[in-house]
Protein backbone atom coordinates (compact mmCIF):
# COMPACT_ATOMS: atom_id res chain seq x y z
CA MET A 1 0.00 0.00 0.00
CA ALA A 2 2.75 2.46 0.93
CA ALA A 3 4.64 1.60 -2.27
CA GLU A 4 1.60 2.45 -4.39
CA ILE A 5 1.22 5.83 -2.68
CA GLU A 6 4.92 6.58 -3.14
CA ARG A 7 4.69 5.62 -6.82
CA GLU A 8 1.73 7.95 -7.32
CA LEU A 9 3.67 10.79 -5.67
CA ILE A 10 6.66 10.17 -7.95
CA VAL A 11 4.41 10.15 -11.03
CA LEU A 12 2.76 13.39 -9.89
CA ARG A 13 6.10 15.14 -9.27
CA THR A 14 7.47 13.96 -12.62
CA THR A 15 4.47 15.13 -14.63
CA GLU A 16 4.47 18.51 -12.84
CA ALA A 17 8.18 18.99 -13.52
CA LEU A 18 7.78 18.07 -17.19
CA ALA A 19 4.80 20.43 -17.57
CA LYS A 20 6.81 23.24 -15.94
CA ARG A 21 9.80 22.71 -18.25
CA LYS A 22 7.51 22.57 -21.28
CA ALA A 23 5.80 25.81 -20.22
CA GLU A 24 9.24 27.44 -19.92
CA GLY A 25 9.97 26.41 -23.48
CA LYS A 26 12.79 24.03 -22.62
CA THR A 27 13.30 20.90 -24.67
CA LEU A 28 12.25 17.62 -23.13
CA GLY A 29 13.82 14.20 -23.44
CA ARG A 30 17.19 12.92 -24.45
CA PRO A 31 19.34 15.33 -26.49
CA LYS A 32 20.09 14.40 -30.08
CA GLY A 33 23.56 13.11 -30.76
CA ARG A 34 26.05 14.99 -32.89
CA GLN A 35 27.26 13.56 -36.16
CA SER A 36 30.90 12.65 -36.03
CA ALA A 37 33.33 14.43 -38.34
CA HIS A 38 35.25 11.18 -38.93
CA LEU A 39 33.42 7.99 -39.82
CA LYS A 40 34.55 4.36 -39.69
CA LEU A 41 34.38 3.94 -43.47
CA ASP A 42 36.19 7.20 -44.36
CA THR A 43 39.52 5.37 -44.41
CA ARG A 44 38.17 2.97 -47.06
CA GLU A 45 36.47 5.56 -49.28
CA ALA A 46 38.65 4.92 -52.34
CA GLU A 47 38.09 1.17 -52.05
CA ILE A 48 34.30 1.61 -51.74
CA ARG A 49 34.22 3.99 -54.71
CA SER A 50 36.09 1.47 -56.85
CA TYR A 51 33.69 -1.31 -55.83
CA LEU A 52 30.71 0.90 -56.71
CA SER A 53 32.18 1.82 -60.07
CA LYS A 54 32.63 -1.89 -60.84
CA GLY A 55 28.92 -2.45 -60.13
CA ILE A 56 29.36 -4.60 -57.04
CA SER A 57 26.22 -4.70 -54.88
CA LYS A 58 26.16 -2.64 -51.73
CA ARG A 59 25.51 -5.71 -49.61
CA SER A 60 28.63 -7.38 -51.05
CA ILE A 61 30.66 -4.21 -50.51
CA ALA A 62 29.59 -4.21 -46.86
CA LYS A 63 30.96 -7.74 -46.48
CA LEU A 64 34.20 -6.79 -48.25
CA VAL A 65 34.84 -3.80 -45.97
CA ASP A 66 33.67 -5.70 -42.87
CA CYS A 67 30.69 -3.61 -41.80
CA SER A 68 26.95 -4.05 -41.64
CA PRO A 69 24.92 -3.09 -44.70
CA SER A 70 23.08 -0.41 -42.73
CA THR A 71 26.40 1.21 -41.78
CA LEU A 72 27.39 1.29 -45.44
CA TYR A 73 24.00 2.68 -46.52
CA ASP A 74 24.22 5.44 -43.89
CA TRP A 75 27.79 6.28 -44.92
CA LEU A 76 26.83 6.42 -48.61
CA ALA A 77 23.90 8.71 -47.81
CA ARG A 78 26.09 11.06 -45.76
CA LYS A 79 28.66 11.16 -48.58
CA HIS A 80 25.88 11.58 -51.20
CA LEU A 81 27.18 8.58 -53.16
CA HIS A 82 24.84 6.45 -55.22
CA SER A 83 25.52 3.77 -57.81
CA ARG A 84 23.32 3.89 -60.89
CA HIS A 85 23.75 1.86 -64.06
CA ASP A 86 27.18 0.63 -62.97
CA LYS A 87 28.44 4.21 -62.77
CA LEU A 88 29.28 6.16 -59.67
CA VAL A 89 27.23 9.33 -59.46
CA GLU A 90 28.06 11.94 -56.87
CA LYS A 91 25.45 14.52 -55.98
CA LEU A 92 26.66 18.05 -55.43
């Protein structure tokens, strides 16, 4: 019984504090992370570009450079690199 009352008090204090911070215009929740200036795949950029120009699939490239496909996809998106028709196209 006492634990339930204590829990209700904690919930009440938390919601009041969040409402106060929101009313003050402060951001709530966990802060967003910064994007790193140096990425894991930056050291292998030339190798990845050559694989893309040869028309190798992105999934196979990920295996060749020893990373997960999602890491490679994110890196390619941040570098604005896309392979189309076996040619490397770089967006400006």
